[in-house]
Amino acid sequence: MATRKKIYYQENDIVKSLYTNGFVLMLLETRQSYVGYYHYYESTGEIYTEQEWHPTKSRELVPYVGNKNASYYKYVDLKHYTMIKGQKQRLIGPPRLDKFKSPYNTVIAPTEKELQAGVMTRYFVMKRNEKSTKIPIEIDVMQAEKYANGGRGINQFLYELLELPWKISGPEYDVIAGNMLKEPGVYDTNKRIVEKHSRKFPILLKTITNYRQFSIYDV
């Protein structure tokens, strides 16, 4: 049975009903990748299974670390944990979270290299428990590169990152010859891209509607 660091947490400190498809978090007890619902405490950085705290079902989670052997985990346990009543307990205080950065919306533009290639990458972050309702935040490549970077960038436990390829040159619409697509168009290609990713992030269809953006047709 897991034990939290504090007896009482304010509601605005708890982010509930988050979900991971795996290889983001792992169970502290077994070091196995975790798939399922979890919740997160902003003040302490604690992460536990279940949509909200359950005194018997919740298990502690930690960031996933892949390709590590048993000796590595043994070293981590000896350095940072002790066993109390058959349960791992931290020897040190909670992880430093003061270096996490909140994402901020950025006005972006294609680089010279992207203009030559005719395609650019756009980056969006969305709160994991508000992917269908909260407007995504468009960020720049610098913020994207620091995502999930050891507590120094955007908090990966609260936000999910989406990298969106974006066509910026070519014909405005698809060029069709008979029943064949001869050349993909800017508008139609970007519309297909948004529709594809909206299966996971439904809010995209409502918020990304200018399929000509950053191209010569965006007038």
N, C-alpha and C. Protein backbone atom coordinates (compact mmCIF):
# COMPACT_ATOMS: atom_id res chain seq x y z
N MET A 1 0.85 -1.19 0.00
CA MET A 1 0.00 0.00 0.00
C MET A 1 0.88 1.24 0.00
N ALA A 2 0.65 2.15 -0.94
CA ALA A 2 1.45 3.36 -1.05
C ALA A 2 1.08 4.36 0.03
N THR A 3 2.05 5.19 0.38
CA THR A 3 1.84 6.23 1.39
C THR A 3 2.24 7.57 0.81
N ARG A 4 1.35 8.56 0.91
CA ARG A 4 1.68 9.89 0.39
C ARG A 4 2.49 10.67 1.42
N LYS A 5 3.18 11.71 0.92
CA LYS A 5 4.06 12.49 1.78
C LYS A 5 3.30 13.39 2.75
N LYS A 6 2.11 13.83 2.33
CA LYS A 6 1.33 14.76 3.14
C LYS A 6 0.01 14.12 3.56
N ILE A 7 -0.50 14.55 4.68
CA ILE A 7 -1.79 14.05 5.15
C ILE A 7 -2.93 14.67 4.37
N TYR A 8 -2.76 15.95 4.03
CA TYR A 8 -3.84 16.66 3.35
C TYR A 8 -3.31 17.42 2.14
N TYR A 9 -4.05 17.36 1.05
CA TYR A 9 -3.72 18.10 -0.17
C TYR A 9 -4.94 18.92 -0.57
N GLN A 10 -4.72 20.16 -0.95
CA GLN A 10 -5.82 20.97 -1.46
C GLN A 10 -6.20 20.47 -2.85
N GLU A 11 -7.46 20.65 -3.20
CA GLU A 11 -7.97 20.15 -4.48
C GLU A 11 -7.22 20.74 -5.67
N ASN A 12 -6.86 22.04 -5.56
CA ASN A 12 -6.17 22.67 -6.69
C ASN A 12 -4.72 22.22 -6.82
N ASP A 13 -4.27 21.37 -5.89
CA ASP A 13 -2.92 20.82 -5.93
C ASP A 13 -2.89 19.47 -6.66
N ILE A 14 -4.07 18.89 -6.90
CA ILE A 14 -4.16 17.53 -7.45
C ILE A 14 -4.67 17.60 -8.89
N VAL A 15 -3.93 16.99 -9.79
CA VAL A 15 -4.36 16.87 -11.18
C VAL A 15 -4.82 15.42 -11.38
N LYS A 16 -6.12 15.25 -11.59
CA LYS A 16 -6.70 13.91 -11.62
C LYS A 16 -6.95 13.42 -13.05
N SER A 17 -7.19 12.13 -13.14
CA SER A 17 -7.65 11.48 -14.38
C SER A 17 -6.71 11.70 -15.56
N LEU A 18 -5.42 11.65 -15.30
CA LEU A 18 -4.44 11.67 -16.39
C LEU A 18 -4.30 10.25 -16.94
N TYR A 19 -3.74 10.12 -18.14
CA TYR A 19 -3.62 8.79 -18.74
C TYR A 19 -2.31 8.70 -19.52
N THR A 20 -1.67 7.55 -19.44
CA THR A 20 -0.47 7.29 -20.21
C THR A 20 -0.59 5.98 -20.96
N ASN A 21 -0.09 5.98 -22.20
CA ASN A 21 -0.08 4.77 -23.03
C ASN A 21 1.17 3.93 -22.82
N GLY A 22 2.01 4.35 -21.90
CA GLY A 22 3.21 3.57 -21.61
C GLY A 22 4.49 4.29 -21.96
N PHE A 23 5.58 3.88 -21.29
CA PHE A 23 6.93 4.39 -21.53
C PHE A 23 7.07 5.88 -21.21
N VAL A 24 6.21 6.36 -20.34
CA VAL A 24 6.33 7.70 -19.76
C VAL A 24 6.57 7.58 -18.27
N LEU A 25 5.85 6.64 -17.64
CA LEU A 25 5.98 6.38 -16.21
C LEU A 25 6.20 4.88 -15.99
N MET A 26 6.76 4.55 -14.83
CA MET A 26 6.89 3.14 -14.46
C MET A 26 6.58 2.99 -12.98
N LEU A 27 6.17 1.79 -12.61
CA LEU A 27 5.88 1.49 -11.22
C LEU A 27 7.17 1.48 -10.41
N LEU A 28 7.17 2.19 -9.30
CA LEU A 28 8.35 2.23 -8.45
C LEU A 28 8.71 0.84 -7.94
N GLU A 29 7.71 0.04 -7.61
CA GLU A 29 7.95 -1.27 -7.02
C GLU A 29 8.64 -2.24 -7.97
N THR A 30 8.24 -2.22 -9.24
CA THR A 30 8.71 -3.23 -10.19
C THR A 30 9.55 -2.69 -11.33
N ARG A 31 9.57 -1.36 -11.52
CA ARG A 31 10.27 -0.69 -12.62
C ARG A 31 9.70 -1.09 -13.98
N GLN A 32 8.45 -1.48 -14.01
CA GLN A 32 7.80 -1.83 -15.26
C GLN A 32 7.04 -0.63 -15.80
N SER A 33 7.05 -0.47 -17.13
CA SER A 33 6.31 0.61 -17.77
C SER A 33 4.83 0.52 -17.39
N TYR A 34 4.23 1.67 -17.11
CA TYR A 34 2.84 1.68 -16.65
C TYR A 34 1.93 2.22 -17.74
N VAL A 35 0.82 1.53 -17.97
CA VAL A 35 -0.23 1.97 -18.87
C VAL A 35 -1.51 2.10 -18.07
N GLY A 36 -2.14 3.27 -18.13
CA GLY A 36 -3.39 3.45 -17.42
C GLY A 36 -3.53 4.84 -16.83
N TYR A 37 -4.55 4.99 -16.00
CA TYR A 37 -4.82 6.29 -15.37
C TYR A 37 -3.86 6.54 -14.21
N TYR A 38 -3.60 7.82 -13.99
CA TYR A 38 -2.78 8.22 -12.84
C TYR A 38 -3.17 9.63 -12.41
N HIS A 39 -2.69 10.06 -11.27
CA HIS A 39 -2.91 11.44 -10.82
C HIS A 39 -1.61 11.99 -10.27
N TYR A 40 -1.54 13.32 -10.22
CA TYR A 40 -0.27 14.00 -9.97
C TYR A 40 -0.47 15.11 -8.94
N TYR A 41 0.49 15.27 -8.03
CA TYR A 41 0.43 16.30 -6.99
C TYR A 41 1.49 17.36 -7.31
N GLU A 42 1.03 18.58 -7.62
CA GLU A 42 1.95 19.62 -8.07
C GLU A 42 2.91 20.07 -6.98
N SER A 43 2.48 20.10 -5.72
CA SER A 43 3.33 20.63 -4.65
C SER A 43 4.49 19.71 -4.30
N THR A 44 4.32 18.41 -4.47
CA THR A 44 5.36 17.46 -4.08
C THR A 44 5.95 16.69 -5.25
N GLY A 45 5.28 16.72 -6.40
CA GLY A 45 5.75 15.95 -7.54
C GLY A 45 5.39 14.48 -7.48
N GLU A 46 4.60 14.08 -6.51
CA GLU A 46 4.21 12.67 -6.39
C GLU A 46 3.27 12.27 -7.53
N ILE A 47 3.43 11.04 -7.98
CA ILE A 47 2.58 10.50 -9.03
C ILE A 47 2.12 9.12 -8.58
N TYR A 48 0.80 8.88 -8.66
CA TYR A 48 0.25 7.59 -8.23
C TYR A 48 -0.74 7.07 -9.26
N THR A 49 -0.87 5.76 -9.29
CA THR A 49 -1.86 5.15 -10.17
C THR A 49 -3.27 5.49 -9.69
N GLU A 50 -4.23 5.23 -10.53
CA GLU A 50 -5.66 5.50 -10.35
C GLU A 50 -5.97 6.96 -10.71
N GLN A 51 -7.22 7.21 -11.07
CA GLN A 51 -7.62 8.55 -11.48
C GLN A 51 -7.54 9.56 -10.33
N GLU A 52 -7.73 9.08 -9.13
CA GLU A 52 -7.52 9.88 -7.93
C GLU A 52 -7.08 8.93 -6.82
N TRP A 53 -6.70 9.48 -5.69
CA TRP A 53 -6.12 8.68 -4.64
C TRP A 53 -7.05 7.59 -4.15
N HIS A 54 -6.51 6.37 -4.08
CA HIS A 54 -7.23 5.24 -3.48
C HIS A 54 -6.29 4.62 -2.45
N PRO A 55 -6.71 4.52 -1.21
CA PRO A 55 -5.80 4.10 -0.14
C PRO A 55 -5.24 2.69 -0.28
N THR A 56 -5.90 1.82 -1.03
CA THR A 56 -5.38 0.46 -1.19
C THR A 56 -4.93 0.14 -2.61
N LYS A 57 -5.50 0.81 -3.61
CA LYS A 57 -5.17 0.50 -5.00
C LYS A 57 -4.01 1.33 -5.55
N SER A 58 -3.85 2.57 -5.09
CA SER A 58 -2.86 3.46 -5.67
C SER A 58 -1.44 2.95 -5.42
N ARG A 59 -0.60 3.02 -6.46
CA ARG A 59 0.80 2.63 -6.39
C ARG A 59 1.64 3.81 -6.88
N GLU A 60 2.81 3.98 -6.28
CA GLU A 60 3.65 5.11 -6.66
C GLU A 60 4.28 4.88 -8.03
N LEU A 61 4.33 5.96 -8.82
CA LEU A 61 4.94 5.94 -10.14
C LEU A 61 6.12 6.90 -10.17
N VAL A 62 7.07 6.60 -11.02
CA VAL A 62 8.23 7.46 -11.24
C VAL A 62 8.45 7.58 -12.74
N PRO A 63 9.21 8.59 -13.20
CA PRO A 63 9.48 8.71 -14.63
C PRO A 63 10.12 7.46 -15.20
N TYR A 64 9.69 7.09 -16.39
CA TYR A 64 10.20 5.87 -17.03
C TYR A 64 11.65 6.04 -17.45
N VAL A 65 12.45 5.05 -17.16
CA VAL A 65 13.84 5.00 -17.61
C VAL A 65 14.03 3.67 -18.33
N GLY A 66 14.29 3.71 -19.62
CA GLY A 66 14.43 2.48 -20.38
C GLY A 66 15.86 2.00 -20.49
N ASN A 67 16.00 0.76 -20.91
CA ASN A 67 17.31 0.16 -21.20
C ASN A 67 18.27 0.21 -20.02
N LYS A 68 17.78 -0.03 -18.84
CA LYS A 68 18.63 -0.08 -17.65
C LYS A 68 18.59 -1.48 -17.07
N ASN A 69 19.73 -1.95 -16.58
CA ASN A 69 19.77 -3.30 -16.02
C ASN A 69 19.47 -3.28 -14.52
N ALA A 70 19.42 -4.46 -13.93
CA ALA A 70 19.05 -4.59 -12.52
C ALA A 70 20.02 -3.87 -11.60
N SER A 71 21.30 -3.85 -11.94
CA SER A 71 22.29 -3.21 -11.07
C SER A 71 22.09 -1.71 -10.99
N TYR A 72 21.62 -1.11 -12.09
CA TYR A 72 21.33 0.32 -12.08
C TYR A 72 20.21 0.64 -11.10
N TYR A 73 19.12 -0.13 -11.16
CA TYR A 73 18.00 0.11 -10.26
C TYR A 73 18.38 -0.18 -8.81
N LYS A 74 19.24 -1.15 -8.60
CA LYS A 74 19.69 -1.44 -7.24
C LYS A 74 20.46 -0.25 -6.68
N TYR A 75 21.28 0.36 -7.52
CA TYR A 75 22.03 1.54 -7.11
C TYR A 75 21.08 2.69 -6.76
N VAL A 76 20.07 2.91 -7.60
CA VAL A 76 19.10 3.98 -7.35
C VAL A 76 18.36 3.74 -6.04
N ASP A 77 17.95 2.49 -5.80
CA ASP A 77 17.22 2.17 -4.57
C ASP A 77 18.09 2.39 -3.34
N LEU A 78 19.36 1.97 -3.41
CA LEU A 78 20.25 2.14 -2.26
C LEU A 78 20.51 3.61 -1.97
N LYS A 79 20.55 4.42 -3.02
CA LYS A 79 20.88 5.84 -2.85
C LYS A 79 19.69 6.66 -2.40
N HIS A 80 18.51 6.33 -2.89
CA HIS A 80 17.36 7.22 -2.68
C HIS A 80 16.22 6.62 -1.86
N TYR A 81 16.24 5.31 -1.59
CA TYR A 81 15.11 4.69 -0.91
C TYR A 81 15.57 3.79 0.22
N THR A 82 14.64 3.56 1.16
CA THR A 82 14.83 2.56 2.19
C THR A 82 13.53 1.77 2.30
N MET A 83 13.58 0.62 2.93
CA MET A 83 12.38 -0.20 3.09
C MET A 83 11.81 0.01 4.49
N ILE A 84 10.56 0.42 4.56
CA ILE A 84 9.86 0.59 5.83
C ILE A 84 8.56 -0.19 5.75
N LYS A 85 8.44 -1.20 6.59
CA LYS A 85 7.25 -2.05 6.60
C LYS A 85 6.99 -2.65 5.21
N GLY A 86 8.05 -3.07 4.55
CA GLY A 86 7.93 -3.71 3.25
C GLY A 86 7.64 -2.78 2.09
N GLN A 87 7.76 -1.46 2.31
CA GLN A 87 7.45 -0.49 1.28
C GLN A 87 8.62 0.46 1.09
N LYS A 88 8.89 0.81 -0.18
CA LYS A 88 9.97 1.76 -0.46
C LYS A 88 9.58 3.16 0.00
N GLN A 89 10.50 3.79 0.71
CA GLN A 89 10.30 5.16 1.16
C GLN A 89 11.53 5.97 0.75
N ARG A 90 11.31 7.19 0.31
CA ARG A 90 12.42 8.03 -0.12
C ARG A 90 13.30 8.43 1.06
N LEU A 91 14.60 8.46 0.83
CA LEU A 91 15.55 8.92 1.84
C LEU A 91 15.73 10.43 1.78
N ILE A 92 15.40 11.02 0.64
CA ILE A 92 15.57 12.45 0.47
C ILE A 92 14.21 13.09 0.25
N GLY A 93 14.20 14.40 0.21
CA GLY A 93 12.95 15.12 0.03
C GLY A 93 12.38 14.94 -1.35
N PRO A 94 11.23 15.53 -1.62
CA PRO A 94 10.58 15.41 -2.91
C PRO A 94 11.43 16.02 -4.02
N PRO A 95 11.25 15.60 -5.26
CA PRO A 95 12.03 16.15 -6.36
C PRO A 95 11.79 17.64 -6.53
N ARG A 96 12.82 18.34 -6.97
CA ARG A 96 12.71 19.77 -7.20
C ARG A 96 11.83 20.03 -8.41
N LEU A 97 10.73 20.76 -8.19
CA LEU A 97 9.82 21.06 -9.29
C LEU A 97 9.82 22.53 -9.64
N ASP A 98 10.62 23.32 -8.92
CA ASP A 98 10.58 24.75 -9.15
C ASP A 98 11.18 25.15 -10.49
N LYS A 99 11.88 24.21 -11.16
CA LYS A 99 12.49 24.52 -12.44
C LYS A 99 11.58 24.20 -13.61
N PHE A 100 10.45 23.54 -13.37
CA PHE A 100 9.51 23.31 -14.44
C PHE A 100 9.02 24.65 -14.98
N LYS A 101 8.86 24.73 -16.28
CA LYS A 101 8.41 25.97 -16.92
C LYS A 101 7.00 25.77 -17.47
N SER A 102 6.17 26.79 -17.31
CA SER A 102 4.84 26.75 -17.91
C SER A 102 4.95 27.09 -19.39
N PRO A 103 4.23 26.37 -20.24
CA PRO A 103 4.29 26.68 -21.67
C PRO A 103 3.66 28.03 -21.96
N TYR A 104 4.18 28.73 -22.93
CA TYR A 104 3.60 30.00 -23.33
C TYR A 104 3.44 30.02 -24.85
N ASN A 105 2.37 30.67 -25.29
CA ASN A 105 2.07 30.72 -26.71
C ASN A 105 3.12 31.57 -27.42
N THR A 106 3.55 31.10 -28.58
CA THR A 106 4.62 31.76 -29.33
C THR A 106 4.16 32.05 -30.75
N VAL A 107 4.45 33.24 -31.23
CA VAL A 107 4.21 33.57 -32.64
C VAL A 107 5.39 33.02 -33.44
N ILE A 108 5.13 32.06 -34.29
CA ILE A 108 6.20 31.38 -35.02
C ILE A 108 6.17 31.76 -36.49
N ALA A 109 7.23 31.44 -37.18
CA ALA A 109 7.34 31.64 -38.63
C ALA A 109 8.27 30.57 -39.17
N PRO A 110 8.06 30.13 -40.40
CA PRO A 110 8.95 29.12 -40.98
C PRO A 110 10.36 29.66 -41.16
N THR A 111 11.34 28.81 -40.95
CA THR A 111 12.73 29.17 -41.16
C THR A 111 13.05 29.13 -42.65
N GLU A 112 14.21 29.65 -43.00
CA GLU A 112 14.63 29.62 -44.40
C GLU A 112 14.74 28.18 -44.91
N LYS A 113 15.25 27.30 -44.05
CA LYS A 113 15.38 25.89 -44.41
C LYS A 113 14.01 25.26 -44.65
N GLU A 114 13.05 25.60 -43.80
CA GLU A 114 11.69 25.05 -43.95
C GLU A 114 11.02 25.60 -45.20
N LEU A 115 11.26 26.86 -45.52
CA LEU A 115 10.69 27.44 -46.73
C LEU A 115 11.21 26.71 -47.96
N GLN A 116 12.48 26.37 -47.94
CA GLN A 116 13.08 25.65 -49.08
C GLN A 116 12.52 24.23 -49.18
N ALA A 117 12.28 23.62 -48.03
CA ALA A 117 11.77 22.25 -48.01
C ALA A 117 10.28 22.19 -48.31
N GLY A 118 9.58 23.30 -48.09
CA GLY A 118 8.15 23.34 -48.35
C GLY A 118 7.31 22.75 -47.23
N VAL A 119 7.93 22.43 -46.11
CA VAL A 119 7.20 21.87 -44.98
C VAL A 119 7.88 22.34 -43.69
N MET A 120 7.10 22.54 -42.66
CA MET A 120 7.62 22.96 -41.36
C MET A 120 6.99 22.08 -40.28
N THR A 121 7.53 22.16 -39.09
CA THR A 121 6.96 21.44 -37.95
C THR A 121 6.40 22.44 -36.97
N ARG A 122 5.15 22.24 -36.59
CA ARG A 122 4.52 23.07 -35.56
C ARG A 122 4.39 22.23 -34.30
N TYR A 123 4.54 22.88 -33.15
CA TYR A 123 4.52 22.19 -31.87
C TYR A 123 3.38 22.74 -31.00
N PHE A 124 2.61 21.82 -30.44
CA PHE A 124 1.51 22.18 -29.55
C PHE A 124 1.60 21.36 -28.27
N VAL A 125 1.19 21.95 -27.16
CA VAL A 125 1.05 21.19 -25.92
C VAL A 125 -0.37 21.34 -25.42
N MET A 126 -0.88 20.25 -24.84
CA MET A 126 -2.23 20.23 -24.28
C MET A 126 -2.20 19.54 -22.94
N LYS A 127 -2.97 20.04 -22.00
CA LYS A 127 -3.06 19.37 -20.71
C LYS A 127 -3.63 17.97 -20.91
N ARG A 128 -3.01 17.00 -20.28
CA ARG A 128 -3.36 15.60 -20.52
C ARG A 128 -4.81 15.30 -20.15
N ASN A 129 -5.35 15.98 -19.16
CA ASN A 129 -6.72 15.70 -18.75
C ASN A 129 -7.73 16.68 -19.36
N GLU A 130 -7.27 17.50 -20.34
CA GLU A 130 -8.17 18.46 -20.97
C GLU A 130 -7.96 18.48 -22.49
N LYS A 131 -7.63 17.33 -23.06
CA LYS A 131 -7.29 17.28 -24.48
C LYS A 131 -8.49 17.53 -25.39
N SER A 132 -9.69 17.40 -24.86
CA SER A 132 -10.88 17.59 -25.69
C SER A 132 -11.54 18.95 -25.47
N THR A 133 -11.07 19.71 -24.49
CA THR A 133 -11.75 20.96 -24.15
C THR A 133 -10.82 22.17 -24.13
N LYS A 134 -9.60 21.99 -23.70
CA LYS A 134 -8.68 23.12 -23.52
C LYS A 134 -7.99 23.46 -24.84
N ILE A 135 -7.96 24.75 -25.17
CA ILE A 135 -7.31 25.17 -26.41
C ILE A 135 -5.82 24.85 -26.35
N PRO A 136 -5.27 24.19 -27.38
CA PRO A 136 -3.85 23.86 -27.36
C PRO A 136 -2.99 25.11 -27.40
N ILE A 137 -1.81 25.02 -26.81
CA ILE A 137 -0.86 26.13 -26.79
C ILE A 137 0.21 25.84 -27.83
N GLU A 138 0.37 26.74 -28.79
CA GLU A 138 1.43 26.55 -29.79
C GLU A 138 2.73 27.12 -29.23
N ILE A 139 3.77 26.31 -29.25
CA ILE A 139 5.05 26.70 -28.69
C ILE A 139 6.12 26.67 -29.79
N ASP A 140 7.28 27.23 -29.47
CA ASP A 140 8.38 27.22 -30.44
C ASP A 140 9.26 26.00 -30.23
N VAL A 141 10.23 25.83 -31.11
CA VAL A 141 11.09 24.64 -31.07
C VAL A 141 11.94 24.62 -29.81
N MET A 142 12.30 25.78 -29.28
CA MET A 142 13.12 25.82 -28.07
C MET A 142 12.37 25.24 -26.88
N GLN A 143 11.07 25.57 -26.75
CA GLN A 143 10.27 24.99 -25.68
C GLN A 143 10.08 23.49 -25.90
N ALA A 144 9.86 23.12 -27.16
CA ALA A 144 9.65 21.70 -27.48
C ALA A 144 10.87 20.87 -27.14
N GLU A 145 12.06 21.40 -27.40
CA GLU A 145 13.29 20.65 -27.12
C GLU A 145 13.53 20.47 -25.63
N LYS A 146 12.96 21.35 -24.81
CA LYS A 146 13.14 21.25 -23.36
C LYS A 146 12.00 20.49 -22.69
N TYR A 147 11.04 20.02 -23.49
CA TYR A 147 9.93 19.24 -22.95
C TYR A 147 10.48 17.96 -22.31
N ALA A 148 10.04 17.68 -21.08
CA ALA A 148 10.45 16.46 -20.36
C ALA A 148 11.95 16.42 -20.14
N ASN A 149 12.57 17.58 -19.97
CA ASN A 149 14.02 17.64 -19.82
C ASN A 149 14.42 17.78 -18.36
N GLY A 150 14.25 16.72 -17.60
CA GLY A 150 14.74 16.69 -16.23
C GLY A 150 14.19 17.76 -15.32
N GLY A 151 12.95 18.17 -15.51
CA GLY A 151 12.36 19.17 -14.63
C GLY A 151 12.73 20.58 -14.99
N ARG A 152 13.42 20.79 -16.11
CA ARG A 152 13.85 22.13 -16.50
C ARG A 152 13.01 22.72 -17.62
N GLY A 153 12.12 21.91 -18.18
CA GLY A 153 11.28 22.39 -19.27
C GLY A 153 9.81 22.26 -18.90
N ILE A 154 8.99 22.03 -19.91
CA ILE A 154 7.55 21.87 -19.70
C ILE A 154 7.30 20.55 -18.98
N ASN A 155 6.40 20.55 -18.03
CA ASN A 155 6.10 19.39 -17.21
C ASN A 155 5.39 18.32 -18.05
N GLN A 156 6.10 17.22 -18.34
CA GLN A 156 5.53 16.17 -19.20
C GLN A 156 4.42 15.38 -18.52
N PHE A 157 4.32 15.48 -17.20
CA PHE A 157 3.26 14.77 -16.50
C PHE A 157 1.93 15.51 -16.60
N LEU A 158 1.99 16.81 -16.86
CA LEU A 158 0.77 17.61 -17.00
C LEU A 158 0.40 17.86 -18.46
N TYR A 159 1.42 17.95 -19.31
CA TYR A 159 1.19 18.34 -20.70
C TYR A 159 1.66 17.25 -21.66
N GLU A 160 0.93 17.12 -22.77
CA GLU A 160 1.33 16.22 -23.84
C GLU A 160 1.76 17.04 -25.04
N LEU A 161 2.85 16.64 -25.66
CA LEU A 161 3.42 17.37 -26.79
C LEU A 161 2.96 16.75 -28.10
N LEU A 162 2.55 17.61 -29.03
CA LEU A 162 2.17 17.17 -30.38
C LEU A 162 3.06 17.88 -31.39
N GLU A 163 3.74 17.10 -32.24
CA GLU A 163 4.52 17.65 -33.34
C GLU A 163 3.70 17.49 -34.61
N LEU A 164 3.39 18.61 -35.24
CA LEU A 164 2.46 18.60 -36.37
C LEU A 164 3.20 19.03 -37.65
N PRO A 165 3.41 18.11 -38.62
CA PRO A 165 4.00 18.53 -39.90
C PRO A 165 3.02 19.44 -40.64
N TRP A 166 3.56 20.44 -41.32
CA TRP A 166 2.69 21.46 -41.91
C TRP A 166 3.24 21.86 -43.29
N LYS A 167 2.44 21.63 -44.33
CA LYS A 167 2.85 21.93 -45.70
C LYS A 167 2.70 23.43 -45.97
N ILE A 168 3.72 24.04 -46.56
CA ILE A 168 3.68 25.49 -46.78
C ILE A 168 3.96 25.90 -48.22
N SER A 169 4.21 24.94 -49.10
CA SER A 169 4.40 25.29 -50.52
C SER A 169 3.83 24.19 -51.39
N GLY A 170 3.64 24.54 -52.66
CA GLY A 170 3.00 23.64 -53.61
C GLY A 170 1.69 24.25 -54.07
N PRO A 171 0.90 23.51 -54.83
CA PRO A 171 -0.40 24.05 -55.26
C PRO A 171 -1.32 24.26 -54.07
N GLU A 172 -2.28 25.16 -54.23
CA GLU A 172 -3.18 25.44 -53.12
C GLU A 172 -4.04 24.23 -52.77
N TYR A 173 -4.54 23.55 -53.80
CA TYR A 173 -5.38 22.37 -53.60
C TYR A 173 -4.76 21.16 -54.30
N ASP A 174 -5.20 19.96 -53.94
CA ASP A 174 -4.71 18.73 -54.56
C ASP A 174 -4.88 18.80 -56.08
N VAL A 175 -3.88 18.32 -56.79
CA VAL A 175 -3.96 18.21 -58.24
C VAL A 175 -4.28 16.76 -58.57
N ILE A 176 -5.44 16.55 -59.17
CA ILE A 176 -5.93 15.20 -59.45
C ILE A 176 -5.86 14.96 -60.96
N ALA A 177 -5.31 13.82 -61.34
CA ALA A 177 -5.29 13.41 -62.75
C ALA A 177 -6.02 12.08 -62.84
N GLY A 178 -7.21 12.11 -63.40
CA GLY A 178 -8.03 10.91 -63.42
C GLY A 178 -8.46 10.58 -62.00
N ASN A 179 -8.11 9.39 -61.53
CA ASN A 179 -8.40 9.01 -60.15
C ASN A 179 -7.15 9.04 -59.27
N MET A 180 -6.08 9.63 -59.79
CA MET A 180 -4.81 9.63 -59.08
C MET A 180 -4.47 11.02 -58.55
N LEU A 181 -3.86 11.04 -57.37
CA LEU A 181 -3.37 12.29 -56.80
C LEU A 181 -2.02 12.60 -57.43
N LYS A 182 -1.99 13.62 -58.27
CA LYS A 182 -0.76 13.96 -58.97
C LYS A 182 0.17 14.78 -58.10
N GLU A 183 -0.40 15.74 -57.37
CA GLU A 183 0.42 16.58 -56.48
C GLU A 183 -0.44 17.05 -55.31
N PRO A 184 -0.02 16.80 -54.06
CA PRO A 184 -0.82 17.21 -52.92
C PRO A 184 -0.80 18.73 -52.75
N GLY A 185 -1.95 19.26 -52.40
CA GLY A 185 -2.08 20.70 -52.21
C GLY A 185 -1.88 21.10 -50.76
N VAL A 186 -1.57 22.39 -50.56
CA VAL A 186 -1.34 22.93 -49.22
C VAL A 186 -2.59 22.78 -48.36
N TYR A 187 -3.71 23.29 -48.83
CA TYR A 187 -4.95 23.27 -48.05
C TYR A 187 -5.37 21.85 -47.73
N ASP A 188 -5.46 21.00 -48.74
CA ASP A 188 -5.97 19.64 -48.53
C ASP A 188 -5.03 18.81 -47.67
N THR A 189 -3.72 18.97 -47.85
CA THR A 189 -2.76 18.21 -47.05
C THR A 189 -2.85 18.57 -45.58
N ASN A 190 -2.86 19.85 -45.29
CA ASN A 190 -2.92 20.28 -43.89
C ASN A 190 -4.25 19.91 -43.25
N LYS A 191 -5.31 19.94 -44.02
CA LYS A 191 -6.62 19.53 -43.50
C LYS A 191 -6.59 18.05 -43.13
N ARG A 192 -5.97 17.22 -43.97
CA ARG A 192 -5.86 15.79 -43.68
C ARG A 192 -5.02 15.56 -42.42
N ILE A 193 -3.95 16.32 -42.27
CA ILE A 193 -3.07 16.18 -41.11
C ILE A 193 -3.83 16.50 -39.83
N VAL A 194 -4.58 17.59 -39.83
CA VAL A 194 -5.34 17.99 -38.64
C VAL A 194 -6.41 16.94 -38.33
N GLU A 195 -7.10 16.46 -39.35
CA GLU A 195 -8.14 15.45 -39.13
C GLU A 195 -7.55 14.17 -38.56
N LYS A 196 -6.37 13.79 -39.02
CA LYS A 196 -5.72 12.58 -38.52
C LYS A 196 -5.41 12.71 -37.03
N HIS A 197 -4.80 13.81 -36.63
CA HIS A 197 -4.40 13.99 -35.23
C HIS A 197 -5.59 14.32 -34.32
N SER A 198 -6.70 14.76 -34.92
CA SER A 198 -7.87 15.09 -34.11
C SER A 198 -8.54 13.83 -33.55
N ARG A 199 -8.16 12.65 -34.05
CA ARG A 199 -8.69 11.41 -33.48
C ARG A 199 -8.22 11.28 -32.03
N LYS A 200 -7.03 11.77 -31.76
CA LYS A 200 -6.50 11.75 -30.40
C LYS A 200 -6.76 13.06 -29.68
N PHE A 201 -6.72 14.18 -30.42
CA PHE A 201 -6.94 15.50 -29.84
C PHE A 201 -8.11 16.17 -30.56
N PRO A 202 -9.35 15.86 -30.17
CA PRO A 202 -10.53 16.37 -30.89
C PRO A 202 -10.60 17.89 -30.98
N ILE A 203 -9.99 18.59 -30.04
CA ILE A 203 -10.07 20.05 -30.02
C ILE A 203 -9.38 20.67 -31.22
N LEU A 204 -8.49 19.93 -31.90
CA LEU A 204 -7.75 20.49 -33.03
C LEU A 204 -8.67 20.94 -34.15
N LEU A 205 -9.73 20.19 -34.40
CA LEU A 205 -10.66 20.52 -35.49
C LEU A 205 -11.33 21.87 -35.25
N LYS A 206 -11.45 22.27 -34.00
CA LYS A 206 -12.12 23.53 -33.68
C LYS A 206 -11.14 24.70 -33.61
N THR A 207 -9.88 24.40 -33.39
CA THR A 207 -8.92 25.47 -33.14
C THR A 207 -7.93 25.70 -34.28
N ILE A 208 -7.64 24.68 -35.07
CA ILE A 208 -6.74 24.85 -36.21
C ILE A 208 -7.58 24.75 -37.47
N THR A 209 -7.98 25.88 -38.00
CA THR A 209 -8.90 25.91 -39.14
C THR A 209 -8.32 26.62 -40.36
N ASN A 210 -7.19 27.30 -40.19
CA ASN A 210 -6.56 27.99 -41.31
C ASN A 210 -5.51 27.06 -41.92
N TYR A 211 -5.93 26.29 -42.91
CA TYR A 211 -5.05 25.29 -43.51
C TYR A 211 -4.06 25.90 -44.51
N ARG A 212 -4.17 27.19 -44.74
CA ARG A 212 -3.23 27.89 -45.63
C ARG A 212 -2.16 28.64 -44.84
N GLN A 213 -2.20 28.56 -43.53
CA GLN A 213 -1.30 29.37 -42.70
C GLN A 213 0.16 29.12 -43.04
N PHE A 214 0.92 30.21 -43.10
CA PHE A 214 2.36 30.23 -43.40
C PHE A 214 2.70 29.98 -44.87
N SER A 215 1.68 29.83 -45.70
CA SER A 215 1.92 29.65 -47.14
C SER A 215 1.60 30.95 -47.87
N ILE A 216 1.92 31.01 -49.16
CA ILE A 216 1.65 32.22 -49.95
C ILE A 216 0.15 32.42 -50.14
N TYR A 217 -0.65 31.41 -49.84
CA TYR A 217 -2.10 31.52 -50.02
C TYR A 217 -2.78 32.10 -48.79
N ASP A 218 -2.02 32.35 -47.75
CA ASP A 218 -2.59 32.87 -46.49
C ASP A 218 -2.67 34.39 -46.59
N VAL A 219 -3.77 34.85 -47.18
CA VAL A 219 -3.93 36.29 -47.41
C VAL A 219 -5.26 36.75 -46.81
